Amino acid sequence: MTAEVSKPGGWTSEEVITPEVKKICLEVKSDIEKKAGATFETYIPLSFGTQIVSGKNHLVKVYVGVNQCVHAMITQALPCNGGELTVTGVQYPKTASEPLIPFGH
C-alpha cells in the first residue's frame, strides 16, 4: 500500500521501513552518528515518512538500543542531480514510542 500525501510538498504518514529507505539509512549511518554525537552498536531502521520536493526528504526513526531511537532527516537529490544523500538534521535521544514529527534542519 502506498502512503498518500495530502498536498504537494506534504509528508506521507509514518510507515514501516522499506528496503530502499533501509539502504539509505545504512549508507548515512556515520553521518547520523556524527550529528548525534554517539556511536551506535545497534542500528535498526524502523519507520519513515517522505516529502517530495526537488528530490526527497526522508524522516527516519532508527532503533539504537534499550528503548532509544534517533530521528534523522535525510535529503536525497534527484537522480539527474547525482542522487546524493545528506543528513540535514538529527534528534537524539528519542524513545521508541515517540512519533516521527518533521523538524527544521
PDB file of N, CA and C in Angstrom:
ATOM      1  N   MET A   1       0.848  -1.184   0.000  1.00  0.00           N
ATOM      2  CA  MET A   1       0.000   0.000   0.000  1.00  0.00           C
ATOM      3  C   MET A   1       0.889   1.241   0.000  1.00  0.00           C
ATOM      4  N   THR A   2       0.603   2.157  -0.875  1.00  0.00           N
ATOM      5  CA  THR A   2       1.393   3.378  -0.978  1.00  0.00           C
ATOM      6  C   THR A   2       0.780   4.454  -0.087  1.00  0.00           C
ATOM      7  N   ALA A   3       1.620   5.142   0.647  1.00  0.00           N
ATOM      8  CA  ALA A   3       1.149   6.227   1.513  1.00  0.00           C
ATOM      9  C   ALA A   3       0.671   7.384   0.653  1.00  0.00           C
ATOM     10  N   GLU A   4      -0.355   8.034   1.113  1.00  0.00           N
ATOM     11  CA  GLU A   4      -0.880   9.170   0.376  1.00  0.00           C
ATOM     12  C   GLU A   4      -0.342  10.469   0.961  1.00  0.00           C
ATOM     13  N   VAL A   5      -0.115  11.417   0.105  1.00  0.00           N
ATOM     14  CA  VAL A   5       0.332  12.733   0.516  1.00  0.00           C
ATOM     15  C   VAL A   5      -0.866  13.664   0.405  1.00  0.00           C
ATOM     16  N   SER A   6      -1.138  14.430   1.458  1.00  0.00           N
ATOM     17  CA  SER A   6      -2.319  15.271   1.480  1.00  0.00           C
ATOM     18  C   SER A   6      -2.220  16.472   0.556  1.00  0.00           C
ATOM     19  N   LYS A   7      -1.037  16.971   0.308  1.00  0.00           N
ATOM     20  CA  LYS A   7      -0.854  18.120  -0.569  1.00  0.00           C
ATOM     21  C   LYS A   7       0.558  18.094  -1.128  1.00  0.00           C
ATOM     22  N   PRO A   8       0.798  18.749  -2.247  1.00  0.00           N
ATOM     23  CA  PRO A   8       2.163  18.778  -2.778  1.00  0.00           C
ATOM     24  C   PRO A   8       3.123  19.335  -1.721  1.00  0.00           C
ATOM     25  N   GLY A   9       4.248  18.675  -1.560  1.00  0.00           N
ATOM     26  CA  GLY A   9       5.215  19.107  -0.555  1.00  0.00           C
ATOM     27  C   GLY A   9       4.892  18.615   0.837  1.00  0.00           C
ATOM     28  N   GLY A  10       3.750  17.924   0.990  1.00  0.00           N
ATOM     29  CA  GLY A  10       3.367  17.407   2.301  1.00  0.00           C
ATOM     30  C   GLY A  10       4.088  16.106   2.611  1.00  0.00           C
ATOM     31  N   TRP A  11       4.028  15.686   3.859  1.00  0.00           N
ATOM     32  CA  TRP A  11       4.691  14.460   4.306  1.00  0.00           C
ATOM     33  C   TRP A  11       3.731  13.287   4.243  1.00  0.00           C
ATOM     34  N   THR A  12       4.241  12.102   3.891  1.00  0.00           N
ATOM     35  CA  THR A  12       3.448  10.886   3.982  1.00  0.00           C
ATOM     36  C   THR A  12       3.289  10.557   5.458  1.00  0.00           C
ATOM     37  N   SER A  13       2.327   9.693   5.770  1.00  0.00           N
ATOM     38  CA  SER A  13       2.202   9.246   7.148  1.00  0.00           C
ATOM     39  C   SER A  13       3.350   8.286   7.463  1.00  0.00           C
ATOM     40  N   GLU A  14       3.626   8.114   8.747  1.00  0.00           N
ATOM     41  CA  GLU A  14       4.713   7.224   9.158  1.00  0.00           C
ATOM     42  C   GLU A  14       4.366   5.795   8.766  1.00  0.00           C
ATOM     43  N   GLU A  15       5.313   5.109   8.136  1.00  0.00           N
ATOM     44  CA  GLU A  15       5.077   3.725   7.724  1.00  0.00           C
ATOM     45  C   GLU A  15       6.308   2.875   7.999  1.00  0.00           C
ATOM     46  N   VAL A  16       6.115   1.559   7.932  1.00  0.00           N
ATOM     47  CA  VAL A  16       7.202   0.611   8.181  1.00  0.00           C
ATOM     48  C   VAL A  16       8.289   0.797   7.125  1.00  0.00           C
ATOM     49  N   ILE A  17       9.520   0.659   7.542  1.00  0.00           N
ATOM     50  CA  ILE A  17      10.679   0.869   6.673  1.00  0.00           C
ATOM     51  C   ILE A  17      10.607  -0.033   5.432  1.00  0.00           C
ATOM     52  N   THR A  18      11.069   0.487   4.318  1.00  0.00           N
ATOM     53  CA  THR A  18      11.141  -0.282   3.071  1.00  0.00           C
ATOM     54  C   THR A  18      12.608  -0.616   2.802  1.00  0.00           C
ATOM     55  N   PRO A  19      12.878  -1.599   1.949  1.00  0.00           N
ATOM     56  CA  PRO A  19      14.277  -1.915   1.626  1.00  0.00           C
ATOM     57  C   PRO A  19      15.043  -0.703   1.081  1.00  0.00           C
ATOM     58  N   GLU A  20      14.395   0.130   0.263  1.00  0.00           N
ATOM     59  CA  GLU A  20      15.061   1.311  -0.312  1.00  0.00           C
ATOM     60  C   GLU A  20      15.487   2.290   0.777  1.00  0.00           C
ATOM     61  N   VAL A  21      14.582   2.602   1.707  1.00  0.00           N
ATOM     62  CA  VAL A  21      14.898   3.571   2.759  1.00  0.00           C
ATOM     63  C   VAL A  21      15.862   2.960   3.784  1.00  0.00           C
ATOM     64  N   LYS A  22      15.769   1.655   4.026  1.00  0.00           N
ATOM     65  CA  LYS A  22      16.731   0.990   4.915  1.00  0.00           C
ATOM     66  C   LYS A  22      18.141   1.137   4.344  1.00  0.00           C
ATOM     67  N   LYS A  23      18.290   0.942   3.037  1.00  0.00           N
ATOM     68  CA  LYS A  23      19.595   1.074   2.384  1.00  0.00           C
ATOM     69  C   LYS A  23      20.129   2.502   2.552  1.00  0.00           C
ATOM     70  N   ILE A  24      19.254   3.500   2.388  1.00  0.00           N
ATOM     71  CA  ILE A  24      19.643   4.903   2.558  1.00  0.00           C
ATOM     72  C   ILE A  24      20.145   5.132   3.987  1.00  0.00           C
ATOM     73  N   CYS A  25      19.414   4.602   4.981  1.00  0.00           N
ATOM     74  CA  CYS A  25      19.807   4.764   6.394  1.00  0.00           C
ATOM     75  C   CYS A  25      21.176   4.164   6.665  1.00  0.00           C
ATOM     76  N   LEU A  26      21.432   3.005   6.098  1.00  0.00           N
ATOM     77  CA  LEU A  26      22.720   2.349   6.317  1.00  0.00           C
ATOM     78  C   LEU A  26      23.853   3.130   5.658  1.00  0.00           C
ATOM     79  N   GLU A  27      23.584   3.720   4.503  1.00  0.00           N
ATOM     80  CA  GLU A  27      24.611   4.495   3.801  1.00  0.00           C
ATOM     81  C   GLU A  27      25.044   5.735   4.585  1.00  0.00           C
ATOM     82  N   VAL A  28      24.126   6.320   5.359  1.00  0.00           N
ATOM     83  CA  VAL A  28      24.450   7.570   6.064  1.00  0.00           C
ATOM     84  C   VAL A  28      24.628   7.371   7.576  1.00  0.00           C
ATOM     85  N   LYS A  29      24.808   6.122   8.018  1.00  0.00           N
ATOM     86  CA  LYS A  29      24.943   5.835   9.457  1.00  0.00           C
ATOM     87  C   LYS A  29      26.030   6.682  10.107  1.00  0.00           C
ATOM     88  N   SER A  30      27.203   6.760   9.490  1.00  0.00           N
ATOM     89  CA  SER A  30      28.294   7.518  10.120  1.00  0.00           C
ATOM     90  C   SER A  30      27.957   9.005  10.237  1.00  0.00           C
ATOM     91  N   ASP A  31      27.237   9.560   9.266  1.00  0.00           N
ATOM     92  CA  ASP A  31      26.825  10.969   9.335  1.00  0.00           C
ATOM     93  C   ASP A  31      25.806  11.180  10.458  1.00  0.00           C
ATOM     94  N   ILE A  32      24.885  10.227  10.617  1.00  0.00           N
ATOM     95  CA  ILE A  32      23.893  10.317  11.694  1.00  0.00           C
ATOM     96  C   ILE A  32      24.604  10.242  13.047  1.00  0.00           C
ATOM     97  N   GLU A  33      25.553   9.318  13.178  1.00  0.00           N
ATOM     98  CA  GLU A  33      26.305   9.200  14.431  1.00  0.00           C
ATOM     99  C   GLU A  33      27.065  10.485  14.735  1.00  0.00           C
ATOM    100  N   LYS A  34      27.657  11.068  13.729  1.00  0.00           N
ATOM    101  CA  LYS A  34      28.418  12.312  13.915  1.00  0.00           C
ATOM    102  C   LYS A  34      27.511  13.419  14.435  1.00  0.00           C
ATOM    103  N   LYS A  35      26.325  13.571  13.805  1.00  0.00           N
ATOM    104  CA  LYS A  35      25.403  14.629  14.227  1.00  0.00           C
ATOM    105  C   LYS A  35      24.807  14.349  15.602  1.00  0.00           C
ATOM    106  N   ALA A  36      24.628  13.061  15.949  1.00  0.00           N
ATOM    107  CA  ALA A  36      24.069  12.698  17.257  1.00  0.00           C
ATOM    108  C   ALA A  36      25.132  12.736  18.355  1.00  0.00           C
ATOM    109  N   GLY A  37      26.410  12.728  17.950  1.00  0.00           N
ATOM    110  CA  GLY A  37      27.493  12.715  18.929  1.00  0.00           C
ATOM    111  C   GLY A  37      27.592  11.395  19.657  1.00  0.00           C
ATOM    112  N   ALA A  38      27.260  10.290  18.947  1.00  0.00           N
ATOM    113  CA  ALA A  38      27.271   8.969  19.570  1.00  0.00           C
ATOM    114  C   ALA A  38      27.625   7.921  18.523  1.00  0.00           C
ATOM    115  N   THR A  39      28.066   6.768  19.005  1.00  0.00           N
ATOM    116  CA  THR A  39      28.312   5.620  18.139  1.00  0.00           C
ATOM    117  C   THR A  39      27.271   4.565  18.494  1.00  0.00           C
ATOM    118  N   PHE A  40      26.598   4.022  17.481  1.00  0.00           N
ATOM    119  CA  PHE A  40      25.511   3.080  17.716  1.00  0.00           C
ATOM    120  C   PHE A  40      25.916   1.668  17.315  1.00  0.00           C
ATOM    121  N   GLU A  41      26.051   0.767  18.325  1.00  0.00           N
ATOM    122  CA  GLU A  41      26.306  -0.642  18.023  1.00  0.00           C
ATOM    123  C   GLU A  41      25.059  -1.258  17.412  1.00  0.00           C
ATOM    124  N   THR A  42      23.910  -0.939  17.990  1.00  0.00           N
ATOM    125  CA  THR A  42      22.624  -1.365  17.452  1.00  0.00           C
ATOM    126  C   THR A  42      22.139  -0.248  16.540  1.00  0.00           C
ATOM    127  N   TYR A  43      21.646  -0.607  15.349  1.00  0.00           N
ATOM    128  CA  TYR A  43      21.206   0.411  14.384  1.00  0.00           C
ATOM    129  C   TYR A  43      20.198  -0.248  13.458  1.00  0.00           C
ATOM    130  N   ILE A  44      18.911  -0.147  13.836  1.00  0.00           N
ATOM    131  CA  ILE A  44      17.857  -0.837  13.098  1.00  0.00           C
ATOM    132  C   ILE A  44      16.807   0.176  12.640  1.00  0.00           C
ATOM    133  N   PRO A  45      16.785   0.525  11.341  1.00  0.00           N
ATOM    134  CA  PRO A  45      15.756   1.426  10.830  1.00  0.00           C
ATOM    135  C   PRO A  45      14.373   0.810  11.029  1.00  0.00           C
ATOM    136  N   LEU A  46      13.435   1.593  11.594  1.00  0.00           N
ATOM    137  CA  LEU A  46      12.101   1.086  11.918  1.00  0.00           C
ATOM    138  C   LEU A  46      11.006   1.639  11.019  1.00  0.00           C
ATOM    139  N   SER A  47      10.963   2.959  10.888  1.00  0.00           N
ATOM    140  CA  SER A  47       9.856   3.581  10.164  1.00  0.00           C
ATOM    141  C   SER A  47      10.322   4.880   9.536  1.00  0.00           C
ATOM    142  N   PHE A  48       9.474   5.421   8.643  1.00  0.00           N
ATOM    143  CA  PHE A  48       9.857   6.643   7.945  1.00  0.00           C
ATOM    144  C   PHE A  48       8.630   7.348   7.384  1.00  0.00           C
ATOM    145  N   GLY A  49       8.839   8.598   7.020  1.00  0.00           N
ATOM    146  CA  GLY A  49       7.899   9.397   6.253  1.00  0.00           C
ATOM    147  C   GLY A  49       8.699  10.082   5.159  1.00  0.00           C
ATOM    148  N   THR A  50       8.036  10.425   4.065  1.00  0.00           N
ATOM    149  CA  THR A  50       8.740  11.044   2.943  1.00  0.00           C
ATOM    150  C   THR A  50       8.015  12.310   2.503  1.00  0.00           C
ATOM    151  N   GLN A  51       8.801  13.273   2.068  1.00  0.00           N
ATOM    152  CA  GLN A  51       8.288  14.516   1.498  1.00  0.00           C
ATOM    153  C   GLN A  51       8.933  14.657   0.125  1.00  0.00           C
ATOM    154  N   ILE A  52       8.098  14.809  -0.904  1.00  0.00           N
ATOM    155  CA  ILE A  52       8.615  15.003  -2.255  1.00  0.00           C
ATOM    156  C   ILE A  52       8.822  16.497  -2.470  1.00  0.00           C
ATOM    157  N   VAL A  53      10.047  16.862  -2.762  1.00  0.00           N
ATOM    158  CA  VAL A  53      10.406  18.245  -3.085  1.00  0.00           C
ATOM    159  C   VAL A  53      11.201  18.159  -4.373  1.00  0.00           C
ATOM    160  N   SER A  54      12.195  18.972  -4.599  1.00  0.00           N
ATOM    161  CA  SER A  54      13.066  18.762  -5.758  1.00  0.00           C
ATOM    162  C   SER A  54      14.084  17.724  -5.321  1.00  0.00           C
ATOM    163  N   GLY A  55      13.625  16.483  -5.251  1.00  0.00           N
ATOM    164  CA  GLY A  55      14.308  15.357  -4.647  1.00  0.00           C
ATOM    165  C   GLY A  55      13.365  14.803  -3.605  1.00  0.00           C
ATOM    166  N   LYS A  56      13.895  14.180  -2.566  1.00  0.00           N
ATOM    167  CA  LYS A  56      13.058  13.638  -1.488  1.00  0.00           C
ATOM    168  C   LYS A  56      13.695  13.954  -0.148  1.00  0.00           C
ATOM    169  N   ASN A  57      12.846  14.218   0.823  1.00  0.00           N
ATOM    170  CA  ASN A  57      13.275  14.275   2.211  1.00  0.00           C
ATOM    171  C   ASN A  57      12.722  13.030   2.884  1.00  0.00           C
ATOM    172  N   HIS A  58      13.568  12.327   3.615  1.00  0.00           N
ATOM    173  CA  HIS A  58      13.143  11.159   4.377  1.00  0.00           C
ATOM    174  C   HIS A  58      13.344  11.484   5.846  1.00  0.00           C
ATOM    175  N   LEU A  59      12.291  11.311   6.634  1.00  0.00           N
ATOM    176  CA  LEU A  59      12.387  11.431   8.086  1.00  0.00           C
ATOM    177  C   LEU A  59      12.322  10.007   8.615  1.00  0.00           C
ATOM    178  N   VAL A  60      13.388   9.551   9.267  1.00  0.00           N
ATOM    179  CA  VAL A  60      13.531   8.144   9.608  1.00  0.00           C
ATOM    180  C   VAL A  60      13.707   7.960  11.111  1.00  0.00           C
ATOM    181  N   LYS A  61      13.051   6.925  11.635  1.00  0.00           N
ATOM    182  CA  LYS A  61      13.244   6.525  13.039  1.00  0.00           C
ATOM    183  C   LYS A  61      14.125   5.282  13.022  1.00  0.00           C
ATOM    184  N   VAL A  62      15.260   5.353  13.750  1.00  0.00           N
ATOM    185  CA  VAL A  62      16.206   4.234  13.814  1.00  0.00           C
ATOM    186  C   VAL A  62      16.364   3.820  15.274  1.00  0.00           C
ATOM    187  N   TYR A  63      16.121   2.542  15.542  1.00  0.00           N
ATOM    188  CA  TYR A  63      16.301   1.995  16.891  1.00  0.00           C
ATOM    189  C   TYR A  63      17.795   1.820  17.150  1.00  0.00           C
ATOM    190  N   VAL A  64      18.269   2.369  18.267  1.00  0.00           N
ATOM    191  CA  VAL A  64      19.701   2.295  18.579  1.00  0.00           C
ATOM    192  C   VAL A  64      19.974   1.623  19.932  1.00  0.00           C
ATOM    193  N   GLY A  65      18.949   0.997  20.525  1.00  0.00           N
ATOM    194  CA  GLY A  65      19.149   0.208  21.736  1.00  0.00           C
ATOM    195  C   GLY A  65      18.411   0.702  22.953  1.00  0.00           C
ATOM    196  N   VAL A  66      17.984  -0.238  23.792  1.00  0.00           N
ATOM    197  CA  VAL A  66      17.316  -0.011  25.077  1.00  0.00           C
ATOM    198  C   VAL A  66      16.309   1.149  25.030  1.00  0.00           C
ATOM    199  N   ASN A  67      15.283   0.954  24.234  1.00  0.00           N
ATOM    200  CA  ASN A  67      14.198   1.932  24.070  1.00  0.00           C
ATOM    201  C   ASN A  67      14.695   3.307  23.648  1.00  0.00           C
ATOM    202  N   GLN A  68      15.807   3.373  22.949  1.00  0.00           N
ATOM    203  CA  GLN A  68      16.291   4.646  22.419  1.00  0.00           C
ATOM    204  C   GLN A  68      16.299   4.602  20.897  1.00  0.00           C
ATOM    205  N   CYS A  69      15.881   5.714  20.336  1.00  0.00           N
ATOM    206  CA  CYS A  69      15.883   5.871  18.889  1.00  0.00           C
ATOM    207  C   CYS A  69      16.526   7.195  18.530  1.00  0.00           C
ATOM    208  N   VAL A  70      16.887   7.300  17.283  1.00  0.00           N
ATOM    209  CA  VAL A  70      17.330   8.568  16.726  1.00  0.00           C
ATOM    210  C   VAL A  70      16.379   8.867  15.571  1.00  0.00           C
ATOM    211  N   HIS A  71      15.955  10.118  15.456  1.00  0.00           N
ATOM    212  CA  HIS A  71      15.164  10.572  14.319  1.00  0.00           C
ATOM    213  C   HIS A  71      16.114  11.359  13.425  1.00  0.00           C
ATOM    214  N   ALA A  72      16.160  10.994  12.146  1.00  0.00           N
ATOM    215  CA  ALA A  72      17.098  11.640  11.226  1.00  0.00           C
ATOM    216  C   ALA A  72      16.368  12.153   9.998  1.00  0.00           C
ATOM    217  N   MET A  73      16.723  13.359   9.584  1.00  0.00           N
ATOM    218  CA  MET A  73      16.212  13.963   8.354  1.00  0.00           C
ATOM    219  C   MET A  73      17.294  13.761   7.297  1.00  0.00           C
ATOM    220  N   ILE A  74      16.931  13.048   6.216  1.00  0.00           N
ATOM    221  CA  ILE A  74      17.881  12.737   5.150  1.00  0.00           C
ATOM    222  C   ILE A  74      17.327  13.291   3.848  1.00  0.00           C
ATOM    223  N   THR A  75      18.108  14.125   3.170  1.00  0.00           N
ATOM    224  CA  THR A  75      17.718  14.681   1.879  1.00  0.00           C
ATOM    225  C   THR A  75      18.383  13.871   0.781  1.00  0.00           C
ATOM    226  N   GLN A  76      17.574  13.486  -0.218  1.00  0.00           N
ATOM    227  CA  GLN A  76      18.073  12.725  -1.352  1.00  0.00           C
ATOM    228  C   GLN A  76      17.856  13.561  -2.608  1.00  0.00           C
ATOM    229  N   ALA A  77      18.961  13.948  -3.274  1.00  0.00           N
ATOM    230  CA  ALA A  77      18.868  14.734  -4.504  1.00  0.00           C
ATOM    231  C   ALA A  77      18.252  13.888  -5.612  1.00  0.00           C
ATOM    232  N   LEU A  78      17.695  14.552  -6.600  1.00  0.00           N
ATOM    233  CA  LEU A  78      17.150  13.854  -7.765  1.00  0.00           C
ATOM    234  C   LEU A  78      18.254  13.058  -8.463  1.00  0.00           C
ATOM    235  N   PRO A  79      17.912  11.926  -9.085  1.00  0.00           N
ATOM    236  CA  PRO A  79      18.913  11.148  -9.815  1.00  0.00           C
ATOM    237  C   PRO A  79      19.670  11.976 -10.861  1.00  0.00           C
ATOM    238  N   CYS A  80      18.966  12.884 -11.529  1.00  0.00           N
ATOM    239  CA  CYS A  80      19.632  13.711 -12.535  1.00  0.00           C
ATOM    240  C   CYS A  80      20.634  14.687 -11.912  1.00  0.00           C
ATOM    241  N   ASN A  81      20.529  14.895 -10.585  1.00  0.00           N
ATOM    242  CA  ASN A  81      21.474  15.753  -9.860  1.00  0.00           C
ATOM    243  C   ASN A  81      22.457  14.929  -9.038  1.00  0.00           C
ATOM    244  N   GLY A  82      22.572  13.647  -9.359  1.00  0.00           N
ATOM    245  CA  GLY A  82      23.548  12.786  -8.693  1.00  0.00           C
ATOM    246  C   GLY A  82      22.988  11.909  -7.587  1.00  0.00           C
ATOM    247  N   GLY A  83      21.753  12.180  -7.120  1.00  0.00           N
ATOM    248  CA  GLY A  83      21.135  11.360  -6.085  1.00  0.00           C
ATOM    249  C   GLY A  83      21.834  11.385  -4.742  1.00  0.00           C
ATOM    250  N   GLU A  84      22.665  12.398  -4.492  1.00  0.00           N
ATOM    251  CA  GLU A  84      23.445  12.488  -3.256  1.00  0.00           C
ATOM    252  C   GLU A  84      22.552  12.499  -2.017  1.00  0.00           C
ATOM    253  N   LEU A  85      23.016  11.815  -0.961  1.00  0.00           N
ATOM    254  CA  LEU A  85      22.316  11.764   0.327  1.00  0.00           C
ATOM    255  C   LEU A  85      22.997  12.694   1.310  1.00  0.00           C
ATOM    256  N   THR A  86      22.199  13.504   2.016  1.00  0.00           N
ATOM    257  CA  THR A  86      22.730  14.428   3.015  1.00  0.00           C
ATOM    258  C   THR A  86      21.877  14.344   4.271  1.00  0.00           C
ATOM    259  N   VAL A  87      22.516  14.111   5.417  1.00  0.00           N
ATOM    260  CA  VAL A  87      21.808  14.144   6.698  1.00  0.00           C
ATOM    261  C   VAL A  87      21.713  15.612   7.102  1.00  0.00           C
ATOM    262  N   THR A  88      20.495  16.129   7.125  1.00  0.00           N
ATOM    263  CA  THR A  88      20.313  17.558   7.391  1.00  0.00           C
ATOM    264  C   THR A  88      19.912  17.852   8.833  1.00  0.00           C
ATOM    265  N   GLY A  89      19.554  16.821   9.578  1.00  0.00           N
ATOM    266  CA  GLY A  89      19.200  17.038  10.974  1.00  0.00           C
ATOM    267  C   GLY A  89      19.016  15.735  11.718  1.00  0.00           C
ATOM    268  N   VAL A  90      19.255  15.762  13.034  1.00  0.00           N
ATOM    269  CA  VAL A  90      19.115  14.585  13.880  1.00  0.00           C
ATOM    270  C   VAL A  90      18.503  15.018  15.202  1.00  0.00           C
ATOM    271  N   GLN A  91      17.580  14.208  15.709  1.00  0.00           N
ATOM    272  CA  GLN A  91      17.057  14.396  17.060  1.00  0.00           C
ATOM    273  C   GLN A  91      17.384  13.128  17.841  1.00  0.00           C
ATOM    274  N   TYR A  92      18.141  13.293  18.941  1.00  0.00           N
ATOM    275  CA  TYR A  92      18.581  12.148  19.737  1.00  0.00           C
ATOM    276  C   TYR A  92      18.854  12.616  21.159  1.00  0.00           C
ATOM    277  N   PRO A  93      18.451  11.873  22.165  1.00  0.00           N
ATOM    278  CA  PRO A  93      17.733  10.603  22.107  1.00  0.00           C
ATOM    279  C   PRO A  93      16.229  10.801  22.014  1.00  0.00           C
ATOM    280  N   LYS A  94      15.574   9.836  21.431  1.00  0.00           N
ATOM    281  CA  LYS A  94      14.117   9.740  21.358  1.00  0.00           C
ATOM    282  C   LYS A  94      13.744   8.364  21.888  1.00  0.00           C
ATOM    283  N   THR A  95      12.507   8.208  22.363  1.00  0.00           N
ATOM    284  CA  THR A  95      12.051   6.876  22.770  1.00  0.00           C
ATOM    285  C   THR A  95      11.437   6.181  21.559  1.00  0.00           C
ATOM    286  N   ALA A  96      11.322   4.863  21.649  1.00  0.00           N
ATOM    287  CA  ALA A  96      10.756   4.082  20.556  1.00  0.00           C
ATOM    288  C   ALA A  96       9.296   4.441  20.298  1.00  0.00           C
ATOM    289  N   SER A  97       8.594   4.934  21.316  1.00  0.00           N
ATOM    290  CA  SER A  97       7.174   5.246  21.149  1.00  0.00           C
ATOM    291  C   SER A  97       6.904   6.648  20.610  1.00  0.00           C
ATOM    292  N   GLU A  98       7.917   7.498  20.553  1.00  0.00           N
ATOM    293  CA  GLU A  98       7.711   8.863  20.053  1.00  0.00           C
ATOM    294  C   GLU A  98       7.471   8.841  18.542  1.00  0.00           C
ATOM    295  N   PRO A  99       6.405   9.532  18.083  1.00  0.00           N
ATOM    296  CA  PRO A  99       6.123   9.552  16.650  1.00  0.00           C
ATOM    297  C   PRO A  99       7.111  10.427  15.890  1.00  0.00           C
ATOM    298  N   LEU A 100       7.251  10.130  14.615  1.00  0.00           N
ATOM    299  CA  LEU A 100       8.079  10.988  13.760  1.00  0.00           C
ATOM    300  C   LEU A 100       7.329  12.267  13.474  1.00  0.00           C
ATOM    301  N   ILE A 101       7.935  13.384  13.768  1.00  0.00           N
ATOM    302  CA  ILE A 101       7.347  14.694  13.501  1.00  0.00           C
ATOM    303  C   ILE A 101       8.388  15.500  12.748  1.00  0.00           C
ATOM    304  N   PRO A 102       8.062  15.961  11.520  1.00  0.00           N
ATOM    305  CA  PRO A 102       9.041  16.746  10.761  1.00  0.00           C
ATOM    306  C   PRO A 102       9.586  17.905  11.591  1.00  0.00           C
ATOM    307  N   PHE A 103      10.887  18.143  11.478  1.00  0.00           N
ATOM    308  CA  PHE A 103      11.542  19.220  12.220  1.00  0.00           C
ATOM    309  C   PHE A 103      12.449  19.985  11.297  1.00  0.00           C
ATOM    310  N   GLY A 104      12.777  21.205  11.704  1.00  0.00           N
ATOM    311  CA  GLY A 104      13.650  22.060  10.912  1.00  0.00           C
ATOM    312  C   GLY A 104      15.047  21.491  10.818  1.00  0.00           C
ATOM    313  N   HIS A 105      15.765  21.937   9.826  1.00  0.00           N
ATOM    314  CA  HIS A 105      17.116  21.428   9.580  1.00  0.00           C
ATOM    315  C   HIS A 105      18.108  22.095  10.498  1.00  0.00           C
TER     316      HIS A 105
END
